[in-house]
Amino acid sequence: MIKYFIDGVPHYIADDKQVTPTEERTARKIFLSEYRKKAGLTQKQLAEKLDISESYYNQIENGERQKRMDITLISRLSKVLGISVSKLIEYEENLKEETT
């Protein structure tokens, strides 16, 4: 089961232990896109603030990248979106644990 939070409310995807790659991508997209939209930013605007390409941010938000975000990117994303670093790290860890 993948757990993510929006405004402190937990949301879950999948009731069993087998989370498909599609469900993982859906959870990531919902989690990051909700915070991005709350900040009033497009993917392009957020990518510019993070000093990364729009296509790379799109891969991050859509769960299409293979490697996890590094701490520098997590820190920058935290500041721009107003999410605690610990929440982003917890989110990344939940994805890793639930899909292994």
PDB file of N, CA and C in Angstrom:
ATOM      1  N   MET A   1       0.846  -1.175   0.000  1.00  0.00           N
ATOM      2  CA  MET A   1       0.000   0.000   0.000  1.00  0.00           C
ATOM      3  C   MET A   1       0.892   1.239   0.000  1.00  0.00           C
ATOM      4  N   ILE A   2       0.568   2.190  -0.825  1.00  0.00           N
ATOM      5  CA  ILE A   2       1.308   3.446  -0.873  1.00  0.00           C
ATOM      6  C   ILE A   2       0.500   4.484  -0.119  1.00  0.00           C
ATOM      7  N   LYS A   3       1.157   5.169   0.792  1.00  0.00           N
ATOM      8  CA  LYS A   3       0.495   6.208   1.573  1.00  0.00           C
ATOM      9  C   LYS A   3       1.122   7.539   1.201  1.00  0.00           C
ATOM     10  N   TYR A   4       0.308   8.533   0.976  1.00  0.00           N
ATOM     11  CA  TYR A   4       0.794   9.883   0.762  1.00  0.00           C
ATOM     12  C   TYR A   4      -0.161  10.818   1.476  1.00  0.00           C
ATOM     13  N   PHE A   5       0.289  12.026   1.737  1.00  0.00           N
ATOM     14  CA  PHE A   5      -0.506  12.968   2.506  1.00  0.00           C
ATOM     15  C   PHE A   5      -0.799  14.214   1.697  1.00  0.00           C
ATOM     16  N   ILE A   6      -2.012  14.707   1.808  1.00  0.00           N
ATOM     17  CA  ILE A   6      -2.404  16.001   1.268  1.00  0.00           C
ATOM     18  C   ILE A   6      -3.053  16.744   2.420  1.00  0.00           C
ATOM     19  N   ASP A   7      -2.468  17.870   2.790  1.00  0.00           N
ATOM     20  CA  ASP A   7      -2.952  18.648   3.933  1.00  0.00           C
ATOM     21  C   ASP A   7      -3.052  17.804   5.196  1.00  0.00           C
ATOM     22  N   GLY A   8      -2.082  16.928   5.406  1.00  0.00           N
ATOM     23  CA  GLY A   8      -2.032  16.124   6.614  1.00  0.00           C
ATOM     24  C   GLY A   8      -2.982  14.948   6.643  1.00  0.00           C
ATOM     25  N   VAL A   9      -3.761  14.761   5.582  1.00  0.00           N
ATOM     26  CA  VAL A   9      -4.713  13.655   5.525  1.00  0.00           C
ATOM     27  C   VAL A   9      -4.082  12.516   4.725  1.00  0.00           C
ATOM     28  N   PRO A  10      -3.989  11.323   5.327  1.00  0.00           N
ATOM     29  CA  PRO A  10      -3.388  10.210   4.581  1.00  0.00           C
ATOM     30  C   PRO A  10      -4.312   9.711   3.482  1.00  0.00           C
ATOM     31  N   HIS A  11      -3.721   9.387   2.352  1.00  0.00           N
ATOM     32  CA  HIS A  11      -4.422   8.782   1.226  1.00  0.00           C
ATOM     33  C   HIS A  11      -3.678   7.483   0.910  1.00  0.00           C
ATOM     34  N   TYR A  12      -4.399   6.500   0.434  1.00  0.00           N
ATOM     35  CA  TYR A  12      -3.804   5.202   0.176  1.00  0.00           C
ATOM     36  C   TYR A  12      -4.149   4.736  -1.228  1.00  0.00           C
ATOM     37  N   ILE A  13      -3.205   4.011  -1.814  1.00  0.00           N
ATOM     38  CA  ILE A  13      -3.449   3.364  -3.098  1.00  0.00           C
ATOM     39  C   ILE A  13      -3.141   1.891  -2.899  1.00  0.00           C
ATOM     40  N   ALA A  14      -4.028   1.044  -3.290  1.00  0.00           N
ATOM     41  CA  ALA A  14      -3.906  -0.417  -3.224  1.00  0.00           C
ATOM     42  C   ALA A  14      -4.154  -0.931  -1.815  1.00  0.00           C
ATOM     43  N   ASP A  15      -4.970  -1.948  -1.715  1.00  0.00           N
ATOM     44  CA  ASP A  15      -5.287  -2.547  -0.424  1.00  0.00           C
ATOM     45  C   ASP A  15      -4.397  -3.736  -0.106  1.00  0.00           C
ATOM     46  N   ASP A  16      -3.640  -4.201  -1.083  1.00  0.00           N
ATOM     47  CA  ASP A  16      -2.776  -5.345  -0.833  1.00  0.00           C
ATOM     48  C   ASP A  16      -1.316  -4.913  -0.865  1.00  0.00           C
ATOM     49  N   LYS A  17      -0.430  -5.843  -0.661  1.00  0.00           N
ATOM     50  CA  LYS A  17       1.002  -5.537  -0.633  1.00  0.00           C
ATOM     51  C   LYS A  17       1.603  -5.411  -2.025  1.00  0.00           C
ATOM     52  N   GLN A  18       0.902  -5.876  -3.047  1.00  0.00           N
ATOM     53  CA  GLN A  18       1.424  -5.816  -4.409  1.00  0.00           C
ATOM     54  C   GLN A  18       0.989  -4.514  -5.075  1.00  0.00           C
ATOM     55  N   VAL A  19       1.901  -3.567  -5.141  1.00  0.00           N
ATOM     56  CA  VAL A  19       1.622  -2.278  -5.763  1.00  0.00           C
ATOM     57  C   VAL A  19       2.223  -2.302  -7.158  1.00  0.00           C
ATOM     58  N   THR A  20       1.385  -2.046  -8.131  1.00  0.00           N
ATOM     59  CA  THR A  20       1.871  -2.082  -9.511  1.00  0.00           C
ATOM     60  C   THR A  20       2.644  -0.803  -9.824  1.00  0.00           C
ATOM     61  N   PRO A  21       3.506  -0.844 -10.836  1.00  0.00           N
ATOM     62  CA  PRO A  21       4.216   0.378 -11.244  1.00  0.00           C
ATOM     63  C   PRO A  21       3.256   1.511 -11.601  1.00  0.00           C
ATOM     64  N   THR A  22       2.108   1.180 -12.172  1.00  0.00           N
ATOM     65  CA  THR A  22       1.125   2.204 -12.516  1.00  0.00           C
ATOM     66  C   THR A  22       0.589   2.877 -11.261  1.00  0.00           C
ATOM     67  N   GLU A  23       0.309   2.096 -10.226  1.00  0.00           N
ATOM     68  CA  GLU A  23      -0.173   2.663  -8.969  1.00  0.00           C
ATOM     69  C   GLU A  23       0.894   3.532  -8.318  1.00  0.00           C
ATOM     70  N   GLU A  24       2.148   3.105  -8.406  1.00  0.00           N
ATOM     71  CA  GLU A  24       3.242   3.904  -7.856  1.00  0.00           C
ATOM     72  C   GLU A  24       3.322   5.251  -8.574  1.00  0.00           C
ATOM     73  N   ARG A  25       3.263   5.222  -9.898  1.00  0.00           N
ATOM     74  CA  ARG A  25       3.315   6.472 -10.675  1.00  0.00           C
ATOM     75  C   ARG A  25       2.120   7.357 -10.345  1.00  0.00           C
ATOM     76  N   THR A  26       0.941   6.762 -10.184  1.00  0.00           N
ATOM     77  CA  THR A  26      -0.256   7.529  -9.850  1.00  0.00           C
ATOM     78  C   THR A  26      -0.091   8.223  -8.503  1.00  0.00           C
ATOM     79  N   ALA A  27       0.416   7.505  -7.512  1.00  0.00           N
ATOM     80  CA  ALA A  27       0.614   8.095  -6.183  1.00  0.00           C
ATOM     81  C   ALA A  27       1.589   9.257  -6.235  1.00  0.00           C
ATOM     82  N   ARG A  28       2.697   9.078  -6.939  1.00  0.00           N
ATOM     83  CA  ARG A  28       3.699  10.145  -7.054  1.00  0.00           C
ATOM     84  C   ARG A  28       3.101  11.363  -7.742  1.00  0.00           C
ATOM     85  N   LYS A  29       2.384  11.122  -8.836  1.00  0.00           N
ATOM     86  CA  LYS A  29       1.811  12.235  -9.583  1.00  0.00           C
ATOM     87  C   LYS A  29       0.816  13.009  -8.725  1.00  0.00           C
ATOM     88  N   ILE A  30      -0.050  12.297  -8.018  1.00  0.00           N
ATOM     89  CA  ILE A  30      -1.034  12.962  -7.167  1.00  0.00           C
ATOM     90  C   ILE A  30      -0.338  13.759  -6.075  1.00  0.00           C
ATOM     91  N   PHE A  31       0.616  13.130  -5.407  1.00  0.00           N
ATOM     92  CA  PHE A  31       1.325  13.776  -4.300  1.00  0.00           C
ATOM     93  C   PHE A  31       2.007  15.059  -4.749  1.00  0.00           C
ATOM     94  N   LEU A  32       2.849  14.971  -5.763  1.00  0.00           N
ATOM     95  CA  LEU A  32       3.608  16.150  -6.188  1.00  0.00           C
ATOM     96  C   LEU A  32       2.759  17.164  -6.939  1.00  0.00           C
ATOM     97  N   SER A  33       1.851  16.703  -7.769  1.00  0.00           N
ATOM     98  CA  SER A  33       1.062  17.665  -8.546  1.00  0.00           C
ATOM     99  C   SER A  33       0.133  18.479  -7.650  1.00  0.00           C
ATOM    100  N   GLU A  34      -0.400  17.866  -6.591  1.00  0.00           N
ATOM    101  CA  GLU A  34      -1.261  18.616  -5.674  1.00  0.00           C
ATOM    102  C   GLU A  34      -0.491  19.763  -5.012  1.00  0.00           C
ATOM    103  N   TYR A  35       0.702  19.475  -4.539  1.00  0.00           N
ATOM    104  CA  TYR A  35       1.497  20.532  -3.911  1.00  0.00           C
ATOM    105  C   TYR A  35       1.954  21.566  -4.931  1.00  0.00           C
ATOM    106  N   ARG A  36       2.300  21.128  -6.133  1.00  0.00           N
ATOM    107  CA  ARG A  36       2.713  22.070  -7.184  1.00  0.00           C
ATOM    108  C   ARG A  36       1.556  23.001  -7.528  1.00  0.00           C
ATOM    109  N   LYS A  37       0.371  22.454  -7.673  1.00  0.00           N
ATOM    110  CA  LYS A  37      -0.805  23.270  -8.014  1.00  0.00           C
ATOM    111  C   LYS A  37      -1.149  24.237  -6.884  1.00  0.00           C
ATOM    112  N   LYS A  38      -1.010  23.774  -5.626  1.00  0.00           N
ATOM    113  CA  LYS A  38      -1.259  24.669  -4.491  1.00  0.00           C
ATOM    114  C   LYS A  38      -0.303  25.851  -4.497  1.00  0.00           C
ATOM    115  N   ALA A  39       0.905  25.622  -5.000  1.00  0.00           N
ATOM    116  CA  ALA A  39       1.897  26.698  -5.090  1.00  0.00           C
ATOM    117  C   ALA A  39       1.635  27.586  -6.307  1.00  0.00           C
ATOM    118  N   GLY A  40       0.652  27.213  -7.132  1.00  0.00           N
ATOM    119  CA  GLY A  40       0.300  28.000  -8.307  1.00  0.00           C
ATOM    120  C   GLY A  40       1.332  27.923  -9.413  1.00  0.00           C
ATOM    121  N   LEU A  41       1.999  26.768  -9.525  1.00  0.00           N
ATOM    122  CA  LEU A  41       3.076  26.623 -10.503  1.00  0.00           C
ATOM    123  C   LEU A  41       2.744  25.567 -11.548  1.00  0.00           C
ATOM    124  N   THR A  42       3.204  25.817 -12.754  1.00  0.00           N
ATOM    125  CA  THR A  42       3.153  24.791 -13.790  1.00  0.00           C
ATOM    126  C   THR A  42       4.399  23.924 -13.624  1.00  0.00           C
ATOM    127  N   GLN A  43       4.431  22.804 -14.323  1.00  0.00           N
ATOM    128  CA  GLN A  43       5.636  21.972 -14.273  1.00  0.00           C
ATOM    129  C   GLN A  43       6.847  22.749 -14.778  1.00  0.00           C
ATOM    130  N   LYS A  44       6.656  23.535 -15.816  1.00  0.00           N
ATOM    131  CA  LYS A  44       7.758  24.321 -16.374  1.00  0.00           C
ATOM    132  C   LYS A  44       8.275  25.336 -15.356  1.00  0.00           C
ATOM    133  N   GLN A  45       7.377  26.048 -14.705  1.00  0.00           N
ATOM    134  CA  GLN A  45       7.781  27.044 -13.706  1.00  0.00           C
ATOM    135  C   GLN A  45       8.516  26.400 -12.534  1.00  0.00           C
ATOM    136  N   LEU A  46       8.004  25.254 -12.075  1.00  0.00           N
ATOM    137  CA  LEU A  46       8.658  24.572 -10.964  1.00  0.00           C
ATOM    138  C   LEU A  46      10.036  24.072 -11.377  1.00  0.00           C
ATOM    139  N   ALA A  47      10.135  23.513 -12.563  1.00  0.00           N
ATOM    140  CA  ALA A  47      11.437  23.038 -13.057  1.00  0.00           C
ATOM    141  C   ALA A  47      12.451  24.183 -13.098  1.00  0.00           C
ATOM    142  N   GLU A  48      12.017  25.354 -13.544  1.00  0.00           N
ATOM    143  CA  GLU A  48      12.909  26.516 -13.584  1.00  0.00           C
ATOM    144  C   GLU A  48      13.371  26.894 -12.183  1.00  0.00           C
ATOM    145  N   LYS A  49      12.461  26.876 -11.216  1.00  0.00           N
ATOM    146  CA  LYS A  49      12.829  27.204  -9.836  1.00  0.00           C
ATOM    147  C   LYS A  49      13.790  26.174  -9.243  1.00  0.00           C
ATOM    148  N   LEU A  50      13.671  24.928  -9.696  1.00  0.00           N
ATOM    149  CA  LEU A  50      14.539  23.858  -9.205  1.00  0.00           C
ATOM    150  C   LEU A  50      15.849  23.766  -9.989  1.00  0.00           C
ATOM    151  N   ASP A  51      15.941  24.546 -11.063  1.00  0.00           N
ATOM    152  CA  ASP A  51      17.116  24.539 -11.939  1.00  0.00           C
ATOM    153  C   ASP A  51      17.348  23.165 -12.567  1.00  0.00           C
ATOM    154  N   ILE A  52      16.238  22.567 -13.027  1.00  0.00           N
ATOM    155  CA  ILE A  52      16.297  21.310 -13.762  1.00  0.00           C
ATOM    156  C   ILE A  52      15.440  21.466 -15.014  1.00  0.00           C
ATOM    157  N   SER A  53      15.573  20.552 -15.939  1.00  0.00           N
ATOM    158  CA  SER A  53      14.781  20.651 -17.169  1.00  0.00           C
ATOM    159  C   SER A  53      13.324  20.285 -16.878  1.00  0.00           C
ATOM    160  N   GLU A  54      12.453  20.839 -17.700  1.00  0.00           N
ATOM    161  CA  GLU A  54      11.030  20.533 -17.552  1.00  0.00           C
ATOM    162  C   GLU A  54      10.780  19.044 -17.762  1.00  0.00           C
ATOM    163  N   SER A  55      11.480  18.446 -18.722  1.00  0.00           N
ATOM    164  CA  SER A  55      11.268  17.013 -18.982  1.00  0.00           C
ATOM    165  C   SER A  55      11.712  16.159 -17.791  1.00  0.00           C
ATOM    166  N   TYR A  56      12.792  16.567 -17.109  1.00  0.00           N
ATOM    167  CA  TYR A  56      13.232  15.809 -15.931  1.00  0.00           C
ATOM    168  C   TYR A  56      12.210  15.947 -14.806  1.00  0.00           C
ATOM    169  N   TYR A  57      11.693  17.166 -14.589  1.00  0.00           N
ATOM    170  CA  TYR A  57      10.675  17.312 -13.548  1.00  0.00           C
ATOM    171  C   TYR A  57       9.436  16.499 -13.904  1.00  0.00           C
ATOM    172  N   ASN A  58       9.053  16.502 -15.164  1.00  0.00           N
ATOM    173  CA  ASN A  58       7.904  15.716 -15.597  1.00  0.00           C
ATOM    174  C   ASN A  58       8.115  14.244 -15.260  1.00  0.00           C
ATOM    175  N   GLN A  59       9.318  13.736 -15.468  1.00  0.00           N
ATOM    176  CA  GLN A  59       9.631  12.347 -15.129  1.00  0.00           C
ATOM    177  C   GLN A  59       9.514  12.118 -13.620  1.00  0.00           C
ATOM    178  N   ILE A  60       9.964  13.085 -12.827  1.00  0.00           N
ATOM    179  CA  ILE A  60       9.866  12.961 -11.373  1.00  0.00           C
ATOM    180  C   ILE A  60       8.402  12.903 -10.958  1.00  0.00           C
ATOM    181  N   GLU A  61       7.624  13.872 -11.421  1.00  0.00           N
ATOM    182  CA  GLU A  61       6.225  13.949 -11.003  1.00  0.00           C
ATOM    183  C   GLU A  61       5.417  12.747 -11.477  1.00  0.00           C
ATOM    184  N   ASN A  62       5.734  12.256 -12.658  1.00  0.00           N
ATOM    185  CA  ASN A  62       4.977  11.138 -13.214  1.00  0.00           C
ATOM    186  C   ASN A  62       5.533   9.774 -12.822  1.00  0.00           C
ATOM    187  N   GLY A  63       6.579   9.755 -12.001  1.00  0.00           N
ATOM    188  CA  GLY A  63       7.137   8.490 -11.533  1.00  0.00           C
ATOM    189  C   GLY A  63       7.842   7.695 -12.609  1.00  0.00           C
ATOM    190  N   GLU A  64       8.350   8.379 -13.615  1.00  0.00           N
ATOM    191  CA  GLU A  64       8.988   7.697 -14.739  1.00  0.00           C
ATOM    192  C   GLU A  64      10.504   7.600 -14.605  1.00  0.00           C
ATOM    193  N   ARG A  65      11.078   8.279 -13.643  1.00  0.00           N
ATOM    194  CA  ARG A  65      12.529   8.207 -13.487  1.00  0.00           C
ATOM    195  C   ARG A  65      12.880   6.970 -12.675  1.00  0.00           C
ATOM    196  N   GLN A  66      14.035   6.438 -12.917  1.00  0.00           N
ATOM    197  CA  GLN A  66      14.440   5.202 -12.253  1.00  0.00           C
ATOM    198  C   GLN A  66      15.128   5.440 -10.920  1.00  0.00           C
ATOM    199  N   LYS A  67      15.893   6.507 -10.808  1.00  0.00           N
ATOM    200  CA  LYS A  67      16.599   6.739  -9.546  1.00  0.00           C
ATOM    201  C   LYS A  67      15.804   7.674  -8.652  1.00  0.00           C
ATOM    202  N   ARG A  68      16.096   7.597  -7.355  1.00  0.00           N
ATOM    203  CA  ARG A  68      15.418   8.446  -6.387  1.00  0.00           C
ATOM    204  C   ARG A  68      16.016   9.846  -6.422  1.00  0.00           C
ATOM    205  N   MET A  69      15.246  10.815  -5.933  1.00  0.00           N
ATOM    206  CA  MET A  69      15.736  12.192  -5.873  1.00  0.00           C
ATOM    207  C   MET A  69      16.880  12.285  -4.874  1.00  0.00           C
ATOM    208  N   ASP A  70      17.899  13.077  -5.210  1.00  0.00           N
ATOM    209  CA  ASP A  70      18.984  13.280  -4.249  1.00  0.00           C
ATOM    210  C   ASP A  70      18.569  14.342  -3.228  1.00  0.00           C
ATOM    211  N   ILE A  71      19.308  14.426  -2.152  1.00  0.00           N
ATOM    212  CA  ILE A  71      18.941  15.307  -1.034  1.00  0.00           C
ATOM    213  C   ILE A  71      18.926  16.779  -1.443  1.00  0.00           C
ATOM    214  N   THR A  72      19.796  17.172  -2.363  1.00  0.00           N
ATOM    215  CA  THR A  72      19.814  18.563  -2.825  1.00  0.00           C
ATOM    216  C   THR A  72      18.507  18.914  -3.519  1.00  0.00           C
ATOM    217  N   LEU A  73      18.044  18.029  -4.389  1.00  0.00           N
ATOM    218  CA  LEU A  73      16.788  18.271  -5.098  1.00  0.00           C
ATOM    219  C   LEU A  73      15.607  18.220  -4.129  1.00  0.00           C
ATOM    220  N   ILE A  74      15.633  17.284  -3.193  1.00  0.00           N
ATOM    221  CA  ILE A  74      14.565  17.209  -2.189  1.00  0.00           C
ATOM    222  C   ILE A  74      14.505  18.502  -1.391  1.00  0.00           C
ATOM    223  N   SER A  75      15.662  19.026  -1.020  1.00  0.00           N
ATOM    224  CA  SER A  75      15.721  20.271  -0.250  1.00  0.00           C
ATOM    225  C   SER A  75      15.147  21.445  -1.043  1.00  0.00           C
ATOM    226  N   ARG A  76      15.531  21.554  -2.302  1.00  0.00           N
ATOM    227  CA  ARG A  76      15.008  22.647  -3.140  1.00  0.00           C
ATOM    228  C   ARG A  76      13.503  22.509  -3.350  1.00  0.00           C
ATOM    229  N   LEU A  77      13.043  21.277  -3.602  1.00  0.00           N
ATOM    230  CA  LEU A  77      11.622  21.029  -3.804  1.00  0.00           C
ATOM    231  C   LEU A  77      10.840  21.378  -2.539  1.00  0.00           C
ATOM    232  N   SER A  78      11.400  21.046  -1.402  1.00  0.00           N
ATOM    233  CA  SER A  78      10.789  21.358  -0.116  1.00  0.00           C
ATOM    234  C   SER A  78      10.561  22.855   0.040  1.00  0.00           C
ATOM    235  N   LYS A  79      11.571  23.639  -0.267  1.00  0.00           N
ATOM    236  CA  LYS A  79      11.477  25.089  -0.123  1.00  0.00           C
ATOM    237  C   LYS A  79      10.457  25.683  -1.077  1.00  0.00           C
ATOM    238  N   VAL A  80      10.494  25.246  -2.326  1.00  0.00           N
ATOM    239  CA  VAL A  80       9.598  25.819  -3.337  1.00  0.00           C
ATOM    240  C   VAL A  80       8.140  25.458  -3.067  1.00  0.00           C
ATOM    241  N   LEU A  81       7.886  24.212  -2.668  1.00  0.00           N
ATOM    242  CA  LEU A  81       6.505  23.765  -2.479  1.00  0.00           C
ATOM    243  C   LEU A  81       5.989  23.926  -1.057  1.00  0.00           C
ATOM    244  N   GLY A  82       6.875  24.270  -0.132  1.00  0.00           N
ATOM    245  CA  GLY A  82       6.450  24.439   1.244  1.00  0.00           C
ATOM    246  C   GLY A  82       6.139  23.122   1.938  1.00  0.00           C
ATOM    247  N   ILE A  83       6.842  22.074   1.541  1.00  0.00           N
ATOM    248  CA  ILE A  83       6.703  20.751   2.150  1.00  0.00           C
ATOM    249  C   ILE A  83       7.967  20.511   2.969  1.00  0.00           C
ATOM    250  N   SER A  84       7.837  19.901   4.123  1.00  0.00           N
ATOM    251  CA  SER A  84       9.036  19.624   4.910  1.00  0.00           C
ATOM    252  C   SER A  84       9.911  18.594   4.193  1.00  0.00           C
ATOM    253  N   VAL A  85      11.213  18.730   4.399  1.00  0.00           N
ATOM    254  CA  VAL A  85      12.151  17.775   3.826  1.00  0.00           C
ATOM    255  C   VAL A  85      11.817  16.376   4.325  1.00  0.00           C
ATOM    256  N   SER A  86      11.478  16.266   5.594  1.00  0.00           N
ATOM    257  CA  SER A  86      11.170  14.945   6.156  1.00  0.00           C
ATOM    258  C   SER A  86       9.964  14.311   5.469  1.00  0.00           C
ATOM    259  N   LYS A  87       8.970  15.112   5.092  1.00  0.00           N
ATOM    260  CA  LYS A  87       7.790  14.574   4.405  1.00  0.00           C
ATOM    261  C   LYS A  87       8.174  14.042   3.026  1.00  0.00           C
ATOM    262  N   LEU A  88       9.037  14.772   2.318  1.00  0.00           N
ATOM    263  CA  LEU A  88       9.473  14.305   0.999  1.00  0.00           C
ATOM    264  C   LEU A  88      10.323  13.047   1.113  1.00  0.00           C
ATOM    265  N   ILE A  89      11.209  13.007   2.108  1.00  0.00           N
ATOM    266  CA  ILE A  89      12.039  11.819   2.302  1.00  0.00           C
ATOM    267  C   ILE A  89      11.160  10.633   2.704  1.00  0.00           C
ATOM    268  N   GLU A  90      10.213  10.867   3.604  1.00  0.00           N
ATOM    269  CA  GLU A  90       9.286   9.805   4.008  1.00  0.00           C
ATOM    270  C   GLU A  90       8.521   9.286   2.805  1.00  0.00           C
ATOM    271  N   TYR A  91       8.098  10.189   1.952  1.00  0.00           N
ATOM    272  CA  TYR A  91       7.370   9.797   0.752  1.00  0.00           C
ATOM    273  C   TYR A  91       8.247   8.921  -0.142  1.00  0.00           C
ATOM    274  N   GLU A  92       9.483   9.352  -0.373  1.00  0.00           N
ATOM    275  CA  GLU A  92      10.410   8.570  -1.191  1.00  0.00           C
ATOM    276  C   GLU A  92      10.655   7.198  -0.564  1.00  0.00           C
ATOM    277  N   GLU A  93      10.826   7.156   0.757  1.00  0.00           N
ATOM    278  CA  GLU A  93      11.065   5.891   1.447  1.00  0.00           C
ATOM    279  C   GLU A  93       9.847   4.974   1.351  1.00  0.00           C
ATOM    280  N   ASN A  94       8.642   5.527   1.495  1.00  0.00           N
ATOM    281  CA  ASN A  94       7.427   4.710   1.369  1.00  0.00           C
ATOM    282  C   ASN A  94       7.340   4.073  -0.005  1.00  0.00           C
ATOM    283  N   LEU A  95       7.672   4.840  -1.046  1.00  0.00           N
ATOM    284  CA  LEU A  95       7.643   4.280  -2.393  1.00  0.00           C
ATOM    285  C   LEU A  95       8.654   3.151  -2.517  1.00  0.00           C
ATOM    286  N   LYS A  96       9.849   3.374  -1.981  1.00  0.00           N
ATOM    287  CA  LYS A  96      10.895   2.359  -2.079  1.00  0.00           C
ATOM    288  C   LYS A  96      10.474   1.082  -1.342  1.00  0.00           C
ATOM    289  N   GLU A  97       9.967   1.231  -0.132  1.00  0.00           N
ATOM    290  CA  GLU A  97       9.573   0.065   0.677  1.00  0.00           C
ATOM    291  C   GLU A  97       8.406  -0.682   0.066  1.00  0.00           C
ATOM    292  N   GLU A  98       7.445   0.049  -0.442  1.00  0.00           N
ATOM    293  CA  GLU A  98       6.225  -0.588  -0.927  1.00  0.00           C
ATOM    294  C   GLU A  98       6.396  -1.257  -2.274  1.00  0.00           C
ATOM    295  N   THR A  99       7.424  -0.891  -3.016  1.00  0.00           N
ATOM    296  CA  THR A  99       7.588  -1.452  -4.354  1.00  0.00           C
ATOM    297  C   THR A  99       8.732  -2.458  -4.409  1.00  0.00           C
ATOM    298  N   THR A 100       9.368  -2.759  -3.279  1.00  0.00           N
ATOM    299  CA  THR A 100      10.447  -3.754  -3.301  1.00  0.00           C
ATOM    300  C   THR A 100       9.956  -5.087  -2.835  1.00  0.00           C
TER     301      THR A 100
END
